[in-house]
Protein backbone atom coordinates (compact mmCIF):
# COMPACT_ATOMS: atom_id res chain seq x y z
CA UNK A 1 -3.46 -23.16 -20.88
CA UNK A 2 -3.68 -21.02 -17.73
CA UNK A 3 -0.87 -18.60 -17.04
CA UNK A 4 -1.36 -18.11 -13.34
CA UNK A 5 0.50 -20.53 -11.05
CA UNK A 6 -1.45 -22.51 -8.51
CA UNK A 7 -1.23 -21.36 -4.90
CA UNK A 8 -2.17 -23.94 -2.31
CA UNK A 9 -2.11 -23.47 1.44
CA UNK A 10 0.39 -25.85 2.99
CA UNK A 11 0.02 -27.49 6.37
CA UNK A 12 0.70 -25.06 9.19
CA UNK A 13 3.97 -26.67 10.41
CA UNK A 14 5.39 -26.57 6.90
CA UNK A 15 4.35 -22.95 6.53
CA UNK A 16 6.03 -22.00 9.79
CA UNK A 17 9.26 -23.66 8.67
CA UNK A 18 9.12 -21.91 5.31
CA UNK A 19 8.49 -18.52 6.84
CA UNK A 20 11.66 -18.65 8.95
CA UNK A 21 12.51 -16.05 11.55
CA UNK A 22 11.56 -12.38 11.63
CA UNK A 23 13.46 -9.99 9.37
CA UNK A 24 17.14 -9.32 9.94
CA UNK A 25 16.63 -5.58 9.83
CA UNK A 26 14.01 -2.93 10.44
CA UNK A 27 14.42 0.20 8.35
CA UNK A 28 12.43 3.23 9.51
CA UNK A 29 11.02 5.68 7.01
CA UNK A 30 12.57 9.10 7.53
CA UNK A 31 10.99 10.83 10.56
CA UNK A 32 7.67 12.43 9.69
CA UNK A 33 7.13 16.09 10.54
CA UNK A 34 3.96 17.96 11.42
CA UNK A 35 4.60 20.74 8.92
CA UNK A 36 4.11 19.54 5.34
CA UNK A 37 4.17 22.92 3.63
CA UNK A 38 7.94 23.20 3.28
CA UNK A 39 9.73 20.17 4.75
CA UNK A 40 10.93 17.36 2.51
CA UNK A 41 13.02 14.26 3.02
CA UNK A 42 16.36 14.19 1.19
CA UNK A 43 16.11 11.27 -1.21
CA UNK A 44 18.81 9.06 -2.63
CA UNK A 45 19.47 9.31 -6.33
CA UNK A 46 16.46 8.02 -8.23
CA UNK A 47 14.26 7.81 -5.14
CA UNK A 48 10.79 9.28 -4.97
CA UNK A 49 10.91 12.61 -3.10
CA UNK A 50 7.57 13.11 -1.34
CA UNK A 51 6.16 15.67 1.08
CA UNK A 52 6.11 14.68 4.73
CA UNK A 53 2.93 14.24 6.75
CA UNK A 54 2.27 13.90 10.47
CA UNK A 55 3.24 10.52 11.95
CA UNK A 56 0.71 7.76 12.46
CA UNK A 57 0.51 6.78 16.14
CA UNK A 58 -0.43 3.31 17.31
CA UNK A 59 -2.77 4.73 19.94
CA UNK A 60 -4.82 6.32 17.16
CA UNK A 61 -5.81 2.97 15.62
CA UNK A 62 -9.47 3.02 14.62
CA UNK A 63 -9.86 6.45 16.27
CA UNK A 64 -11.58 8.45 13.58
CA UNK A 65 -14.16 10.24 15.76
CA UNK A 66 -12.10 13.43 15.81
CA UNK A 67 -12.31 14.05 12.07
CA UNK A 68 -13.95 17.39 11.26
CA UNK A 69 -17.42 17.40 9.68
CA UNK A 70 -17.57 17.72 5.92
CA UNK A 71 -19.86 19.91 3.84
CA UNK A 72 -22.46 18.07 1.79
CA UNK A 73 -22.21 17.92 -1.98
CA UNK A 74 -19.94 16.62 -4.70
CA UNK A 75 -16.22 17.13 -4.18
CA UNK A 76 -14.68 19.71 -6.54
CA UNK A 77 -11.93 18.73 -8.93
CA UNK A 78 -8.60 18.50 -7.14
CA UNK A 79 -5.76 20.55 -8.59
CA UNK A 80 -2.06 20.44 -7.61
CA UNK A 81 -2.71 23.43 -5.34
CA UNK A 82 -5.38 21.48 -3.44
CA UNK A 83 -2.91 18.68 -2.81
CA UNK A 84 -0.06 21.00 -1.83
CA UNK A 85 -2.03 22.99 0.74
CA UNK A 86 -3.12 19.92 2.68
CA UNK A 87 -6.85 19.84 1.88
CA UNK A 88 -6.75 16.03 1.73
CA UNK A 89 -5.82 15.55 5.38
CA UNK A 90 -9.26 16.15 6.92
CA UNK A 91 -11.32 13.95 4.57
CA UNK A 92 -13.24 10.86 5.69
CA UNK A 93 -13.48 7.76 3.50
CA UNK A 94 -16.43 8.81 1.35
CA UNK A 95 -15.15 12.35 0.81
CA UNK A 96 -11.67 11.03 0.04
CA UNK A 97 -12.95 8.64 -2.63
CA UNK A 98 -15.15 11.33 -4.16
CA UNK A 99 -12.14 13.64 -4.27
CA UNK A 100 -9.97 11.00 -5.94
CA UNK A 101 -12.61 10.45 -8.62
CA UNK A 102 -12.44 14.13 -9.62
CA UNK A 103 -8.69 14.60 -9.22
CA UNK A 104 -6.77 16.60 -11.82
CA UNK A 105 -3.50 16.91 -9.91
CA UNK A 106 -1.33 15.26 -12.61
CA UNK A 107 -1.39 14.39 -16.30
CA UNK A 108 -2.74 10.87 -15.70
CA UNK A 109 -6.24 12.33 -15.38
CA UNK A 110 -6.21 13.29 -19.06
CA UNK A 111 -6.50 9.79 -20.51
CA UNK A 112 -8.15 7.82 -17.73
CA UNK A 113 -11.67 6.47 -18.02
CA UNK A 114 -12.04 6.70 -14.26
CA UNK A 115 -9.86 6.96 -11.19
CA UNK A 116 -9.49 3.85 -9.01
CA UNK A 117 -9.43 4.79 -5.29
CA UNK A 118 -9.17 1.35 -3.65
CA UNK A 119 -11.32 -1.50 -2.40
CA UNK A 120 -11.82 -3.59 0.69
CA UNK A 121 -12.45 -3.59 4.39
CA UNK A 122 -12.07 -0.07 5.77
CA UNK A 123 -11.03 -1.48 9.15
CA UNK A 124 -8.60 -4.04 7.78
CA UNK A 125 -5.36 -5.08 9.49
CA UNK A 126 -3.82 -5.90 6.08
CA UNK A 127 -3.07 -3.27 3.43
CA UNK A 128 -1.75 -4.34 0.02
CA UNK A 129 -0.40 -1.51 -2.15
CA UNK A 130 0.26 -1.95 -5.86
CA UNK A 131 1.61 0.28 -8.59
CA UNK A 132 -1.37 1.63 -10.53
CA UNK A 133 -4.52 0.61 -12.40
CA UNK A 134 -4.33 -1.33 -15.66
CA UNK A 135 -6.76 -1.36 -18.56
CA UNK A 136 -9.35 -3.57 -16.87
CA UNK A 137 -9.10 -1.62 -13.61
CA UNK A 138 -9.58 1.60 -15.59
CA UNK A 139 -12.77 0.14 -17.07
CA UNK A 140 -14.22 -1.19 -13.82
CA UNK A 141 -12.94 1.26 -11.21
CA UNK A 142 -11.53 -1.41 -8.89
CA UNK A 143 -7.86 -2.29 -8.31
CA UNK A 144 -6.46 -5.70 -9.23
CA UNK A 145 -9.34 -7.13 -11.25
CA UNK A 146 -7.38 -8.28 -14.29
CA UNK A 147 -5.15 -11.32 -14.63
CA UNK A 148 -2.72 -9.97 -12.02
CA UNK A 149 -5.70 -9.38 -9.73
CA UNK A 150 -6.83 -12.97 -10.04
CA UNK A 151 -3.33 -14.05 -9.10
CA UNK A 152 -3.37 -11.67 -6.13
CA UNK A 153 -6.64 -13.24 -4.97
CA UNK A 154 -5.00 -16.67 -5.15
CA UNK A 155 -2.01 -15.36 -3.20
CA UNK A 156 -4.32 -13.99 -0.51
CA UNK A 157 -6.18 -17.30 -0.30
CA UNK A 158 -2.90 -19.14 0.20
CA UNK A 159 -2.44 -17.37 3.55
CA UNK A 160 -6.11 -17.56 4.55
CA UNK A 161 -7.03 -14.05 3.41
CA UNK A 162 -9.81 -12.84 1.15
CA UNK A 163 -10.42 -9.59 -0.70
CA UNK A 164 -12.75 -7.41 1.35
CA UNK A 165 -12.29 -9.37 4.59
CA UNK A 166 -9.64 -7.78 6.83
CA UNK A 167 -7.87 -6.75 3.60
CA UNK A 168 -7.75 -3.39 1.84
CA UNK A 169 -6.17 -2.99 -1.60
CA UNK A 170 -4.91 0.29 -3.06
CA UNK A 171 -2.37 1.62 -5.55
CA UNK A 172 0.40 4.20 -5.44
CA UNK A 173 -1.32 6.09 -8.28
CA UNK A 174 -5.08 6.11 -8.76
CA UNK A 175 -5.23 6.62 -12.54
CA UNK A 176 -3.94 4.32 -15.26
CA UNK A 177 -0.58 5.34 -16.77
CA UNK A 178 -0.74 5.25 -20.60
CA UNK A 179 0.10 1.85 -22.05
CA UNK A 180 0.51 0.52 -18.48
CA UNK A 181 3.93 2.15 -18.17
CA UNK A 182 5.56 2.60 -14.77
CA UNK A 183 4.27 5.74 -13.01
CA UNK A 184 6.68 8.64 -13.11
CA UNK A 185 8.11 10.20 -9.96
CA UNK A 186 6.00 13.37 -10.31
CA UNK A 187 2.83 11.29 -10.77
CA UNK A 188 3.51 9.23 -7.66
CA UNK A 189 4.29 12.39 -5.68
CA UNK A 190 1.06 14.06 -6.83
CA UNK A 191 -1.03 11.03 -5.88
CA UNK A 192 0.73 10.10 -2.64
CA UNK A 193 -1.41 12.33 -0.36
CA UNK A 194 -4.37 10.09 -1.23
CA UNK A 195 -2.52 6.93 -0.25
CA UNK A 196 -1.23 8.43 2.97
CA UNK A 197 -4.75 9.59 3.86
CA UNK A 198 -6.04 6.07 3.17
CA UNK A 199 -3.38 4.73 5.53
CA UNK A 200 -4.25 7.32 8.17
CA UNK A 201 -7.92 6.33 8.02
CA UNK A 202 -7.28 2.60 7.83
CA UNK A 203 -4.44 2.36 10.39
CA UNK A 204 -3.45 -1.13 9.22
CA UNK A 205 -1.25 -3.36 11.32
CA UNK A 206 0.80 -4.43 8.29
CA UNK A 207 1.44 -3.07 4.79
CA UNK A 208 2.58 -5.28 1.90
CA UNK A 209 4.15 -3.30 -0.96
CA UNK A 210 3.65 -5.07 -4.28
CA UNK A 211 6.46 -4.05 -6.57
CA UNK A 212 9.16 -1.39 -6.69
CA UNK A 213 7.07 1.75 -7.39
CA UNK A 214 4.76 1.01 -4.45
CA UNK A 215 7.69 0.28 -2.14
CA UNK A 216 9.54 3.46 -3.14
CA UNK A 217 6.41 5.58 -2.69
CA UNK A 218 5.86 4.22 0.82
CA UNK A 219 9.47 4.19 1.99
CA UNK A 220 10.77 7.30 0.21
CA UNK A 221 14.01 5.63 -0.82
CA UNK A 222 15.51 3.67 -3.66
CA UNK A 223 14.32 0.06 -3.47
CA UNK A 224 15.47 -3.11 -5.19
CA UNK A 225 12.98 -5.88 -4.56
CA UNK A 226 15.54 -8.68 -4.49
CA UNK A 227 17.61 -6.92 -1.82
CA UNK A 228 14.56 -5.82 0.19
CA UNK A 229 12.81 -9.16 0.52
CA UNK A 230 12.82 -10.68 3.99
CA UNK A 231 13.37 -7.31 5.68
CA UNK A 232 10.91 -5.39 7.80
CA UNK A 233 10.60 -1.70 6.91
CA UNK A 234 8.35 0.89 8.52
CA UNK A 235 5.97 3.55 7.32
CA UNK A 236 5.05 5.87 10.18
CA UNK A 237 5.53 3.06 12.67
CA UNK A 238 3.58 0.50 10.60
CA UNK A 239 5.60 -2.55 9.46
CA UNK A 240 6.06 -2.78 5.67
CA UNK A 241 7.01 -5.93 3.76
CA UNK A 242 8.19 -5.73 0.15
CA UNK A 243 7.57 -8.36 -2.51
CA UNK A 244 7.11 -8.69 -6.26
CA UNK A 245 4.02 -7.39 -8.04
CA UNK A 246 1.67 -10.13 -9.32
CA UNK A 247 2.08 -8.81 -12.88
CA UNK A 248 5.83 -9.42 -12.59
CA UNK A 249 5.13 -12.90 -11.33
CA UNK A 250 2.99 -13.69 -14.39
CA UNK A 251 6.04 -12.94 -16.54
CA UNK A 252 8.51 -14.67 -14.22
CA UNK A 253 6.89 -17.83 -12.92
CA UNK A 254 10.22 -19.11 -11.63
CA UNK A 255 10.01 -16.50 -8.84
CA UNK A 256 6.76 -17.93 -7.49
CA UNK A 257 8.65 -19.59 -4.64
CA UNK A 258 10.16 -16.26 -3.57
CA UNK A 259 6.73 -14.65 -3.34
CA UNK A 260 5.46 -17.64 -1.35
CA UNK A 261 8.30 -17.07 1.13
CA UNK A 262 7.35 -13.39 1.36
CA UNK A 263 3.72 -14.28 2.02
CA UNK A 264 4.80 -16.66 4.76
CA UNK A 265 6.96 -13.93 6.27
CA UNK A 266 4.00 -11.53 6.17
CA UNK A 267 1.76 -14.04 7.92
CA UNK A 268 4.32 -14.70 10.62
CA UNK A 269 4.78 -10.97 11.13
CA UNK A 270 1.03 -10.45 11.49
CA UNK A 271 0.82 -13.36 13.93
CA UNK A 272 3.55 -11.74 16.03
CA UNK A 273 1.71 -8.42 15.98
CA UNK A 274 -1.51 -10.09 17.13
CA UNK A 275 0.35 -12.01 19.84
CA UNK A 276 1.87 -8.80 21.17
CA UNK A 277 -1.52 -7.07 21.14
CA UNK A 278 -3.14 -9.99 22.98
CA UNK A 279 -0.38 -9.85 25.59
CA UNK A 280 -0.80 -6.11 26.05
CA UNK A 281 2.70 -5.47 24.71
CA UNK A 282 3.60 -2.70 22.24
CA UNK A 283 3.05 -3.79 18.64
CA UNK A 284 6.34 -2.31 17.47
CA UNK A 285 8.48 -5.25 16.45
CA UNK A 286 12.08 -5.08 17.69
CA UNK A 287 14.95 -4.13 15.43
CA UNK A 288 16.93 -7.28 14.64
């Protein structure tokens, strides 16, 4: 008996009806500052408190030519000091992934088999961010390859997306937490510079946060998935949509319909972003 629910793409008119209107609110991440050495964002109780990085500007999409050249050779192990002093910010994709693979910035490195940087199209419009690698991901070095990953692939297919094609997949932490526990605040904070550098390189049009830890890492505030669904948040000017993690859905099949609604909302949001770009209008969606 299969555990994963079936996801089938409905006819377009039905999908449009199910998706509804754009979100009733847009919540901006706290303003990002150019100086990351000392500034922090005051966080609500229980929220993830992360260092601030320079804002991502829409006119910098795909503009990676200005990145400084990198020295040849294998990246050295990354310590907490490397992360704190901003050595991640100038890395290109290959150097970033090599650095992640040797990272020792938190205790998760001690029991991992390998770090899991991310996978997909490095010029994708869609970015899906999960919580952290599981046992199978730790073995194979690729995010979302276990049972939850197969469900994620089905979810992507239901809105005409496919892993590796205009889609990039990453996690809030790059090493497996022991026994698949939820990553701790310090672990997410130590790993977040890697995710923010991935976002800076990718410059996606839309981010989908899969689960509470991913949403809190991106938005730097306390998040409850049920209350955050159907709202449009922002990370550095990039729209963020929050939904349940596929692993949660495997344990709570009755919420499949809610995730379908979130996927429809994401597709409608992306369609609006493309329409604005085609019309030469700013891609920033209005606050509603």
